[in-house]
Amino acid sequence: MFHRLEDFFKAYEYRAASTAKILGRLTDANLGQRIAPNHRALNEIAWHVVTSIPEMMSRTGLSLSSVAPGSPPPMRAAAIQEAYGKATEELAAAVRRDWTDATLAQADDMYGEKWPRGLTLAILIHHEIHHLGQMTVLLRQAGQTVPGTFGPSQEEWTAYGMQPPAY
């Protein structure tokens, strides 16, 4: 949970940059990759990450208009990447403009519970991390290399001239 906006902005800037690296590995050809039939495709998971930003934040009173929460997932990788950039920039600007450190303690109705806004921002970030894990698996299945997000990927270890950990 965040108690200071400065802490949120530091965490969110890092997370958004990592997510953008993962989304940068999307191609129009791999967007349909699924782990199994009847599971979300890569474009659907990526779009869920994008649209969750305005959807979740609308419950706090922030109105973000760069992406419509119920819009269908694009079949163009560039459209997903661009929308994510716009949504993250819009969120950061709205929080910077409309909230203070004290605002982070204000509770909102969130999915049947009351969450302080500082918790909502933390959950937004953790929700994104959860789906990044799913996307890295689908990207690997589609034959893509993946960038490290919380440390080097296997390919990055080699690029650094080091052996990847054995396990």
N, C-alpha and C. Protein backbone atom coordinates (compact mmCIF):
# COMPACT_ATOMS: atom_id res chain seq x y z
N MET A 1 0.85 -1.17 0.00
CA MET A 1 0.00 0.00 0.00
C MET A 1 0.89 1.24 0.00
N PHE A 2 0.51 2.21 -0.78
CA PHE A 2 1.27 3.45 -0.86
C PHE A 2 0.71 4.47 0.11
N HIS A 3 1.61 5.18 0.79
CA HIS A 3 1.22 6.25 1.70
C HIS A 3 1.69 7.60 1.18
N ARG A 4 2.58 7.55 0.20
CA ARG A 4 3.09 8.80 -0.39
C ARG A 4 3.04 8.67 -1.92
N LEU A 5 2.56 9.72 -2.57
CA LEU A 5 2.48 9.70 -4.03
C LEU A 5 3.86 9.49 -4.65
N GLU A 6 4.87 10.08 -4.07
CA GLU A 6 6.23 9.94 -4.60
C GLU A 6 6.62 8.47 -4.69
N ASP A 7 6.24 7.67 -3.70
CA ASP A 7 6.57 6.24 -3.72
C ASP A 7 5.81 5.53 -4.84
N PHE A 8 4.54 5.90 -5.03
CA PHE A 8 3.78 5.31 -6.13
C PHE A 8 4.43 5.64 -7.46
N PHE A 9 4.75 6.90 -7.68
CA PHE A 9 5.30 7.29 -8.98
C PHE A 9 6.61 6.57 -9.28
N LYS A 10 7.45 6.38 -8.29
CA LYS A 10 8.71 5.64 -8.49
C LYS A 10 8.42 4.20 -8.90
N ALA A 11 7.52 3.56 -8.17
CA ALA A 11 7.18 2.16 -8.46
C ALA A 11 6.48 2.04 -9.81
N TYR A 12 5.57 2.95 -10.09
CA TYR A 12 4.78 2.87 -11.32
C TYR A 12 5.64 3.14 -12.55
N GLU A 13 6.56 4.06 -12.44
CA GLU A 13 7.45 4.35 -13.56
C GLU A 13 8.27 3.11 -13.92
N TYR A 14 8.80 2.44 -12.91
CA TYR A 14 9.57 1.22 -13.15
C TYR A 14 8.69 0.13 -13.74
N ARG A 15 7.52 -0.08 -13.15
CA ARG A 15 6.62 -1.12 -13.62
C ARG A 15 6.16 -0.84 -15.04
N ALA A 16 5.79 0.38 -15.34
CA ALA A 16 5.32 0.71 -16.69
C ALA A 16 6.42 0.48 -17.72
N ALA A 17 7.65 0.80 -17.37
CA ALA A 17 8.77 0.57 -18.30
C ALA A 17 8.97 -0.92 -18.54
N SER A 18 8.85 -1.73 -17.50
CA SER A 18 8.99 -3.18 -17.65
C SER A 18 7.85 -3.76 -18.48
N THR A 19 6.65 -3.30 -18.23
CA THR A 19 5.50 -3.77 -19.00
C THR A 19 5.67 -3.37 -20.46
N ALA A 20 6.11 -2.16 -20.71
CA ALA A 20 6.32 -1.71 -22.09
C ALA A 20 7.35 -2.59 -22.80
N LYS A 21 8.37 -3.06 -22.08
CA LYS A 21 9.36 -3.97 -22.68
C LYS A 21 8.69 -5.28 -23.10
N ILE A 22 7.84 -5.81 -22.24
CA ILE A 22 7.13 -7.05 -22.58
C ILE A 22 6.19 -6.81 -23.76
N LEU A 23 5.42 -5.73 -23.70
CA LEU A 23 4.49 -5.43 -24.79
C LEU A 23 5.25 -5.17 -26.09
N GLY A 24 6.48 -4.72 -25.98
CA GLY A 24 7.31 -4.50 -27.16
C GLY A 24 7.67 -5.78 -27.89
N ARG A 25 7.50 -6.91 -27.26
CA ARG A 25 7.77 -8.21 -27.90
C ARG A 25 6.53 -8.77 -28.60
N LEU A 26 5.40 -8.08 -28.44
CA LEU A 26 4.20 -8.51 -29.17
C LEU A 26 4.39 -8.22 -30.65
N THR A 27 3.92 -9.14 -31.46
CA THR A 27 3.88 -8.92 -32.91
C THR A 27 2.47 -9.25 -33.38
N ASP A 28 2.12 -8.77 -34.53
CA ASP A 28 0.80 -9.10 -35.05
C ASP A 28 0.65 -10.62 -35.21
N ALA A 29 1.75 -11.29 -35.49
CA ALA A 29 1.72 -12.74 -35.70
C ALA A 29 1.54 -13.53 -34.41
N ASN A 30 2.00 -13.02 -33.25
CA ASN A 30 1.91 -13.82 -32.02
C ASN A 30 0.73 -13.45 -31.13
N LEU A 31 -0.07 -12.50 -31.53
CA LEU A 31 -1.17 -12.05 -30.66
C LEU A 31 -2.21 -13.13 -30.38
N GLY A 32 -2.34 -14.10 -31.25
CA GLY A 32 -3.33 -15.16 -31.05
C GLY A 32 -2.83 -16.33 -30.21
N GLN A 33 -1.58 -16.26 -29.72
CA GLN A 33 -1.00 -17.35 -28.94
C GLN A 33 -1.81 -17.60 -27.67
N ARG A 34 -2.17 -18.87 -27.45
CA ARG A 34 -2.92 -19.28 -26.25
C ARG A 34 -2.17 -20.42 -25.57
N ILE A 35 -2.32 -20.52 -24.26
CA ILE A 35 -1.73 -21.62 -23.51
C ILE A 35 -2.50 -22.92 -23.82
N ALA A 36 -3.80 -22.78 -24.04
CA ALA A 36 -4.67 -23.92 -24.32
C ALA A 36 -5.98 -23.37 -24.88
N PRO A 37 -6.75 -24.22 -25.55
CA PRO A 37 -8.05 -23.75 -26.05
C PRO A 37 -8.90 -23.20 -24.90
N ASN A 38 -9.71 -22.23 -25.21
CA ASN A 38 -10.64 -21.60 -24.26
C ASN A 38 -9.94 -20.80 -23.16
N HIS A 39 -8.66 -20.48 -23.35
CA HIS A 39 -7.94 -19.59 -22.46
C HIS A 39 -7.65 -18.30 -23.23
N ARG A 40 -7.38 -17.24 -22.51
CA ARG A 40 -7.11 -15.96 -23.15
C ARG A 40 -5.90 -16.03 -24.08
N ALA A 41 -6.04 -15.35 -25.21
CA ALA A 41 -4.91 -15.20 -26.14
C ALA A 41 -4.02 -14.07 -25.64
N LEU A 42 -2.83 -14.02 -26.18
CA LEU A 42 -1.85 -13.01 -25.77
C LEU A 42 -2.41 -11.60 -25.92
N ASN A 43 -3.09 -11.32 -27.04
CA ASN A 43 -3.65 -9.97 -27.21
C ASN A 43 -4.74 -9.69 -26.18
N GLU A 44 -5.48 -10.70 -25.77
CA GLU A 44 -6.54 -10.50 -24.78
C GLU A 44 -5.97 -10.21 -23.39
N ILE A 45 -4.91 -10.90 -23.02
CA ILE A 45 -4.27 -10.63 -21.73
C ILE A 45 -3.64 -9.24 -21.75
N ALA A 46 -2.93 -8.93 -22.82
CA ALA A 46 -2.30 -7.61 -22.93
C ALA A 46 -3.35 -6.51 -22.89
N TRP A 47 -4.45 -6.71 -23.58
CA TRP A 47 -5.50 -5.68 -23.60
C TRP A 47 -6.18 -5.57 -22.24
N HIS A 48 -6.30 -6.67 -21.56
CA HIS A 48 -6.86 -6.64 -20.20
C HIS A 48 -5.98 -5.78 -19.29
N VAL A 49 -4.67 -5.89 -19.42
CA VAL A 49 -3.75 -5.05 -18.64
C VAL A 49 -4.02 -3.57 -18.96
N VAL A 50 -4.16 -3.27 -20.24
CA VAL A 50 -4.38 -1.88 -20.67
C VAL A 50 -5.71 -1.35 -20.13
N THR A 51 -6.78 -2.10 -20.35
CA THR A 51 -8.11 -1.60 -20.00
C THR A 51 -8.38 -1.65 -18.50
N SER A 52 -7.61 -2.43 -17.77
CA SER A 52 -7.78 -2.45 -16.31
C SER A 52 -7.40 -1.12 -15.67
N ILE A 53 -6.54 -0.37 -16.32
CA ILE A 53 -6.12 0.92 -15.76
C ILE A 53 -7.32 1.85 -15.64
N PRO A 54 -8.02 2.17 -16.74
CA PRO A 54 -9.18 3.05 -16.57
C PRO A 54 -10.33 2.40 -15.80
N GLU A 55 -10.49 1.08 -15.94
CA GLU A 55 -11.59 0.41 -15.25
C GLU A 55 -11.41 0.51 -13.74
N MET A 56 -10.24 0.13 -13.25
CA MET A 56 -10.00 0.18 -11.80
C MET A 56 -10.05 1.60 -11.28
N MET A 57 -9.42 2.50 -12.00
CA MET A 57 -9.31 3.86 -11.50
C MET A 57 -10.63 4.61 -11.56
N SER A 58 -11.55 4.19 -12.43
CA SER A 58 -12.87 4.82 -12.45
C SER A 58 -13.59 4.60 -11.13
N ARG A 59 -13.28 3.53 -10.45
CA ARG A 59 -13.90 3.22 -9.15
C ARG A 59 -13.38 4.14 -8.04
N THR A 60 -12.31 4.88 -8.34
CA THR A 60 -11.77 5.84 -7.37
C THR A 60 -12.20 7.26 -7.70
N GLY A 61 -12.96 7.40 -8.77
CA GLY A 61 -13.39 8.73 -9.18
C GLY A 61 -12.54 9.35 -10.26
N LEU A 62 -11.43 8.71 -10.63
CA LEU A 62 -10.61 9.23 -11.72
C LEU A 62 -11.22 8.79 -13.05
N SER A 63 -11.43 9.74 -13.92
CA SER A 63 -11.99 9.44 -15.23
C SER A 63 -10.87 9.50 -16.25
N LEU A 64 -10.52 8.35 -16.78
CA LEU A 64 -9.46 8.25 -17.78
C LEU A 64 -10.10 7.92 -19.12
N SER A 65 -9.78 8.68 -20.14
CA SER A 65 -10.50 8.54 -21.41
C SER A 65 -9.65 8.01 -22.56
N SER A 66 -8.38 7.74 -22.34
CA SER A 66 -7.53 7.34 -23.46
C SER A 66 -7.87 5.95 -23.99
N VAL A 67 -8.46 5.11 -23.15
CA VAL A 67 -8.84 3.75 -23.54
C VAL A 67 -10.20 3.44 -22.92
N ALA A 68 -11.10 2.89 -23.72
CA ALA A 68 -12.42 2.50 -23.20
C ALA A 68 -12.31 1.14 -22.53
N PRO A 69 -12.70 1.04 -21.25
CA PRO A 69 -12.55 -0.24 -20.52
C PRO A 69 -13.18 -1.44 -21.21
N GLY A 70 -14.30 -1.29 -21.88
CA GLY A 70 -14.97 -2.44 -22.50
C GLY A 70 -14.62 -2.67 -23.95
N SER A 71 -13.64 -1.96 -24.46
CA SER A 71 -13.31 -2.08 -25.88
C SER A 71 -12.66 -3.43 -26.19
N PRO A 72 -12.91 -3.95 -27.40
CA PRO A 72 -12.35 -5.27 -27.75
C PRO A 72 -10.84 -5.18 -27.98
N PRO A 73 -10.14 -6.30 -27.76
CA PRO A 73 -8.69 -6.31 -27.94
C PRO A 73 -8.30 -6.13 -29.40
N PRO A 74 -7.36 -5.26 -29.66
CA PRO A 74 -6.88 -5.08 -31.04
C PRO A 74 -6.12 -6.32 -31.52
N MET A 75 -6.06 -6.46 -32.82
CA MET A 75 -5.25 -7.52 -33.43
C MET A 75 -3.99 -6.92 -34.06
N ARG A 76 -3.63 -5.73 -33.61
CA ARG A 76 -2.38 -5.10 -34.02
C ARG A 76 -1.56 -4.82 -32.78
N ALA A 77 -0.35 -5.33 -32.75
CA ALA A 77 0.52 -5.15 -31.59
C ALA A 77 0.78 -3.68 -31.31
N ALA A 78 0.99 -2.90 -32.36
CA ALA A 78 1.29 -1.48 -32.17
C ALA A 78 0.14 -0.75 -31.48
N ALA A 79 -1.09 -1.15 -31.75
CA ALA A 79 -2.25 -0.51 -31.12
C ALA A 79 -2.26 -0.78 -29.62
N ILE A 80 -1.90 -1.99 -29.22
CA ILE A 80 -1.85 -2.33 -27.79
C ILE A 80 -0.73 -1.55 -27.11
N GLN A 81 0.43 -1.53 -27.74
CA GLN A 81 1.58 -0.81 -27.17
C GLN A 81 1.28 0.68 -27.01
N GLU A 82 0.68 1.27 -28.03
CA GLU A 82 0.35 2.70 -27.98
C GLU A 82 -0.69 2.99 -26.91
N ALA A 83 -1.71 2.15 -26.82
CA ALA A 83 -2.77 2.36 -25.83
C ALA A 83 -2.22 2.25 -24.41
N TYR A 84 -1.31 1.31 -24.19
CA TYR A 84 -0.71 1.18 -22.85
C TYR A 84 0.05 2.45 -22.49
N GLY A 85 0.84 2.95 -23.40
CA GLY A 85 1.58 4.18 -23.14
C GLY A 85 0.66 5.34 -22.80
N LYS A 86 -0.41 5.48 -23.55
CA LYS A 86 -1.36 6.57 -23.29
C LYS A 86 -2.05 6.39 -21.94
N ALA A 87 -2.47 5.16 -21.63
CA ALA A 87 -3.18 4.91 -20.37
C ALA A 87 -2.29 5.17 -19.17
N THR A 88 -1.04 4.74 -19.23
CA THR A 88 -0.15 4.95 -18.08
C THR A 88 0.18 6.43 -17.91
N GLU A 89 0.40 7.12 -19.01
CA GLU A 89 0.66 8.56 -18.92
C GLU A 89 -0.54 9.31 -18.38
N GLU A 90 -1.72 8.93 -18.84
CA GLU A 90 -2.94 9.59 -18.38
C GLU A 90 -3.17 9.34 -16.89
N LEU A 91 -2.94 8.11 -16.44
CA LEU A 91 -3.11 7.81 -15.02
C LEU A 91 -2.14 8.63 -14.18
N ALA A 92 -0.89 8.63 -14.55
CA ALA A 92 0.11 9.38 -13.77
C ALA A 92 -0.25 10.86 -13.71
N ALA A 93 -0.68 11.42 -14.83
CA ALA A 93 -1.05 12.84 -14.86
C ALA A 93 -2.27 13.11 -13.98
N ALA A 94 -3.27 12.23 -14.03
CA ALA A 94 -4.48 12.43 -13.23
C ALA A 94 -4.19 12.32 -11.74
N VAL A 95 -3.40 11.34 -11.34
CA VAL A 95 -3.06 11.19 -9.92
C VAL A 95 -2.25 12.40 -9.46
N ARG A 96 -1.30 12.82 -10.27
CA ARG A 96 -0.48 13.98 -9.92
C ARG A 96 -1.34 15.25 -9.78
N ARG A 97 -2.32 15.37 -10.65
CA ARG A 97 -3.18 16.56 -10.67
C ARG A 97 -4.23 16.55 -9.56
N ASP A 98 -4.84 15.38 -9.32
CA ASP A 98 -6.05 15.33 -8.49
C ASP A 98 -5.85 14.78 -7.08
N TRP A 99 -4.76 14.10 -6.82
CA TRP A 99 -4.58 13.46 -5.52
C TRP A 99 -3.42 14.07 -4.75
N THR A 100 -3.47 13.86 -3.44
CA THR A 100 -2.38 14.24 -2.55
C THR A 100 -2.01 13.01 -1.73
N ASP A 101 -1.00 13.13 -0.92
CA ASP A 101 -0.66 12.01 -0.03
C ASP A 101 -1.86 11.64 0.84
N ALA A 102 -2.61 12.62 1.30
CA ALA A 102 -3.78 12.36 2.15
C ALA A 102 -4.86 11.60 1.39
N THR A 103 -4.97 11.83 0.09
CA THR A 103 -5.97 11.14 -0.73
C THR A 103 -5.76 9.63 -0.72
N LEU A 104 -4.53 9.19 -0.53
CA LEU A 104 -4.23 7.76 -0.58
C LEU A 104 -4.90 6.98 0.55
N ALA A 105 -5.31 7.66 1.60
CA ALA A 105 -6.01 6.99 2.71
C ALA A 105 -7.51 6.92 2.48
N GLN A 106 -8.02 7.65 1.51
CA GLN A 106 -9.46 7.66 1.23
C GLN A 106 -9.88 6.31 0.66
N ALA A 107 -10.96 5.74 1.19
CA ALA A 107 -11.42 4.41 0.76
C ALA A 107 -12.53 4.53 -0.28
N ASP A 108 -12.50 3.62 -1.23
CA ASP A 108 -13.51 3.54 -2.29
C ASP A 108 -14.08 2.13 -2.32
N ASP A 109 -15.29 2.01 -2.86
CA ASP A 109 -15.89 0.69 -3.09
C ASP A 109 -15.17 0.04 -4.26
N MET A 110 -14.51 -1.08 -3.98
CA MET A 110 -13.76 -1.78 -5.01
C MET A 110 -14.14 -3.26 -4.98
N TYR A 111 -14.97 -3.65 -5.93
CA TYR A 111 -15.30 -5.06 -6.10
C TYR A 111 -15.88 -5.68 -4.82
N GLY A 112 -16.77 -4.95 -4.17
CA GLY A 112 -17.44 -5.45 -2.97
C GLY A 112 -16.69 -5.22 -1.68
N GLU A 113 -15.56 -4.54 -1.75
CA GLU A 113 -14.76 -4.23 -0.56
C GLU A 113 -14.45 -2.74 -0.54
N LYS A 114 -13.96 -2.28 0.58
CA LYS A 114 -13.49 -0.89 0.70
C LYS A 114 -11.96 -0.92 0.68
N TRP A 115 -11.37 -0.25 -0.29
CA TRP A 115 -9.92 -0.20 -0.40
C TRP A 115 -9.45 1.25 -0.29
N PRO A 116 -8.46 1.50 0.54
CA PRO A 116 -7.83 2.82 0.49
C PRO A 116 -7.17 3.00 -0.89
N ARG A 117 -7.15 4.20 -1.37
CA ARG A 117 -6.60 4.45 -2.70
C ARG A 117 -5.13 4.03 -2.82
N GLY A 118 -4.40 4.13 -1.73
CA GLY A 118 -3.01 3.67 -1.76
C GLY A 118 -2.93 2.17 -2.01
N LEU A 119 -3.91 1.42 -1.50
CA LEU A 119 -3.98 -0.01 -1.77
C LEU A 119 -4.40 -0.27 -3.21
N THR A 120 -5.36 0.49 -3.70
CA THR A 120 -5.80 0.34 -5.08
C THR A 120 -4.63 0.51 -6.05
N LEU A 121 -3.81 1.51 -5.82
CA LEU A 121 -2.65 1.71 -6.69
C LEU A 121 -1.68 0.54 -6.60
N ALA A 122 -1.47 0.01 -5.40
CA ALA A 122 -0.59 -1.16 -5.24
C ALA A 122 -1.17 -2.38 -5.94
N ILE A 123 -2.47 -2.59 -5.81
CA ILE A 123 -3.11 -3.74 -6.45
C ILE A 123 -3.07 -3.59 -7.97
N LEU A 124 -3.23 -2.38 -8.47
CA LEU A 124 -3.12 -2.15 -9.91
C LEU A 124 -1.75 -2.63 -10.41
N ILE A 125 -0.71 -2.28 -9.70
CA ILE A 125 0.64 -2.70 -10.08
C ILE A 125 0.80 -4.22 -9.97
N HIS A 126 0.33 -4.81 -8.87
CA HIS A 126 0.46 -6.26 -8.69
C HIS A 126 -0.38 -7.03 -9.71
N HIS A 127 -1.52 -6.51 -10.05
CA HIS A 127 -2.37 -7.12 -11.08
C HIS A 127 -1.61 -7.17 -12.41
N GLU A 128 -0.94 -6.09 -12.72
CA GLU A 128 -0.16 -6.03 -13.95
C GLU A 128 0.98 -7.04 -13.93
N ILE A 129 1.66 -7.14 -12.80
CA ILE A 129 2.76 -8.10 -12.66
C ILE A 129 2.26 -9.52 -12.87
N HIS A 130 1.12 -9.84 -12.29
CA HIS A 130 0.51 -11.16 -12.44
C HIS A 130 0.34 -11.51 -13.92
N HIS A 131 -0.18 -10.57 -14.69
CA HIS A 131 -0.42 -10.84 -16.10
C HIS A 131 0.86 -10.80 -16.93
N LEU A 132 1.88 -10.08 -16.48
CA LEU A 132 3.16 -10.12 -17.19
C LEU A 132 3.74 -11.52 -17.18
N GLY A 133 3.59 -12.21 -16.06
CA GLY A 133 4.05 -13.59 -15.98
C GLY A 133 3.36 -14.46 -17.02
N GLN A 134 2.06 -14.29 -17.16
CA GLN A 134 1.33 -15.05 -18.17
C GLN A 134 1.83 -14.72 -19.58
N MET A 135 2.05 -13.44 -19.82
CA MET A 135 2.48 -13.02 -21.16
C MET A 135 3.86 -13.55 -21.50
N THR A 136 4.76 -13.62 -20.52
CA THR A 136 6.10 -14.13 -20.84
C THR A 136 6.04 -15.60 -21.25
N VAL A 137 5.18 -16.37 -20.62
CA VAL A 137 5.03 -17.78 -21.00
C VAL A 137 4.50 -17.87 -22.43
N LEU A 138 3.47 -17.10 -22.74
CA LEU A 138 2.91 -17.14 -24.09
C LEU A 138 3.91 -16.64 -25.14
N LEU A 139 4.68 -15.63 -24.79
CA LEU A 139 5.70 -15.16 -25.72
C LEU A 139 6.74 -16.24 -25.99
N ARG A 140 7.16 -16.95 -24.95
CA ARG A 140 8.12 -18.05 -25.14
C ARG A 140 7.51 -19.14 -26.01
N GLN A 141 6.25 -19.47 -25.76
CA GLN A 141 5.60 -20.49 -26.59
C GLN A 141 5.54 -20.07 -28.05
N ALA A 142 5.43 -18.76 -28.27
CA ALA A 142 5.35 -18.23 -29.64
C ALA A 142 6.74 -18.05 -30.26
N GLY A 143 7.79 -18.44 -29.53
CA GLY A 143 9.14 -18.37 -30.07
C GLY A 143 9.85 -17.05 -29.87
N GLN A 144 9.29 -16.17 -29.06
CA GLN A 144 9.91 -14.87 -28.78
C GLN A 144 10.87 -14.97 -27.61
N THR A 145 11.91 -14.18 -27.64
CA THR A 145 12.71 -14.00 -26.44
C THR A 145 11.98 -12.98 -25.57
N VAL A 146 12.22 -13.03 -24.29
CA VAL A 146 11.54 -12.09 -23.39
C VAL A 146 12.58 -11.27 -22.63
N PRO A 147 12.26 -10.02 -22.37
CA PRO A 147 13.17 -9.21 -21.58
C PRO A 147 12.99 -9.50 -20.10
N GLY A 148 14.02 -9.28 -19.32
CA GLY A 148 13.89 -9.40 -17.88
C GLY A 148 13.04 -8.27 -17.34
N THR A 149 12.31 -8.57 -16.28
CA THR A 149 11.50 -7.52 -15.65
C THR A 149 11.91 -7.31 -14.19
N PHE A 150 12.20 -8.38 -13.48
CA PHE A 150 12.67 -8.28 -12.10
C PHE A 150 14.08 -8.85 -11.98
N GLY A 151 14.73 -8.98 -13.08
CA GLY A 151 16.07 -9.54 -13.17
C GLY A 151 16.27 -10.03 -14.59
N PRO A 152 17.46 -10.46 -14.92
CA PRO A 152 17.75 -10.85 -16.29
C PRO A 152 16.96 -12.09 -16.73
N SER A 153 16.56 -12.08 -18.00
CA SER A 153 16.01 -13.29 -18.60
C SER A 153 17.18 -14.20 -18.97
N GLN A 154 16.87 -15.40 -19.40
CA GLN A 154 17.94 -16.35 -19.74
C GLN A 154 18.86 -15.76 -20.80
N GLU A 155 18.29 -15.14 -21.82
CA GLU A 155 19.11 -14.58 -22.89
C GLU A 155 19.94 -13.40 -22.40
N GLU A 156 19.41 -12.65 -21.46
CA GLU A 156 20.15 -11.49 -20.94
C GLU A 156 21.37 -11.92 -20.12
N TRP A 157 21.25 -13.02 -19.37
CA TRP A 157 22.42 -13.52 -18.64
C TRP A 157 23.57 -13.75 -19.62
N THR A 158 23.27 -14.42 -20.72
CA THR A 158 24.28 -14.73 -21.72
C THR A 158 24.85 -13.44 -22.32
N ALA A 159 23.97 -12.48 -22.62
CA ALA A 159 24.42 -11.21 -23.19
C ALA A 159 25.34 -10.46 -22.22
N TYR A 160 25.15 -10.68 -20.93
CA TYR A 160 26.01 -10.06 -19.92
C TYR A 160 27.32 -10.82 -19.74
N GLY A 161 27.48 -11.93 -20.50
CA GLY A 161 28.70 -12.72 -20.39
C GLY A 161 28.70 -13.62 -19.17
N MET A 162 27.52 -13.94 -18.66
CA MET A 162 27.41 -14.77 -17.45
C MET A 162 26.60 -16.02 -17.77
N GLN A 163 26.78 -17.03 -16.96
CA GLN A 163 25.98 -18.24 -17.06
C GLN A 163 24.63 -18.01 -16.38
N PRO A 164 23.54 -18.38 -17.02
CA PRO A 164 22.25 -18.30 -16.32
C PRO A 164 22.27 -19.24 -15.11
N PRO A 165 21.55 -18.91 -14.06
CA PRO A 165 21.48 -19.82 -12.91
C PRO A 165 20.98 -21.20 -13.36
N ALA A 166 21.48 -22.23 -12.73
CA ALA A 166 21.11 -23.60 -13.10
C ALA A 166 19.63 -23.87 -12.85
N TYR A 167 19.07 -23.25 -11.82
CA TYR A 167 17.66 -23.43 -11.48
C TYR A 167 17.22 -22.33 -10.58
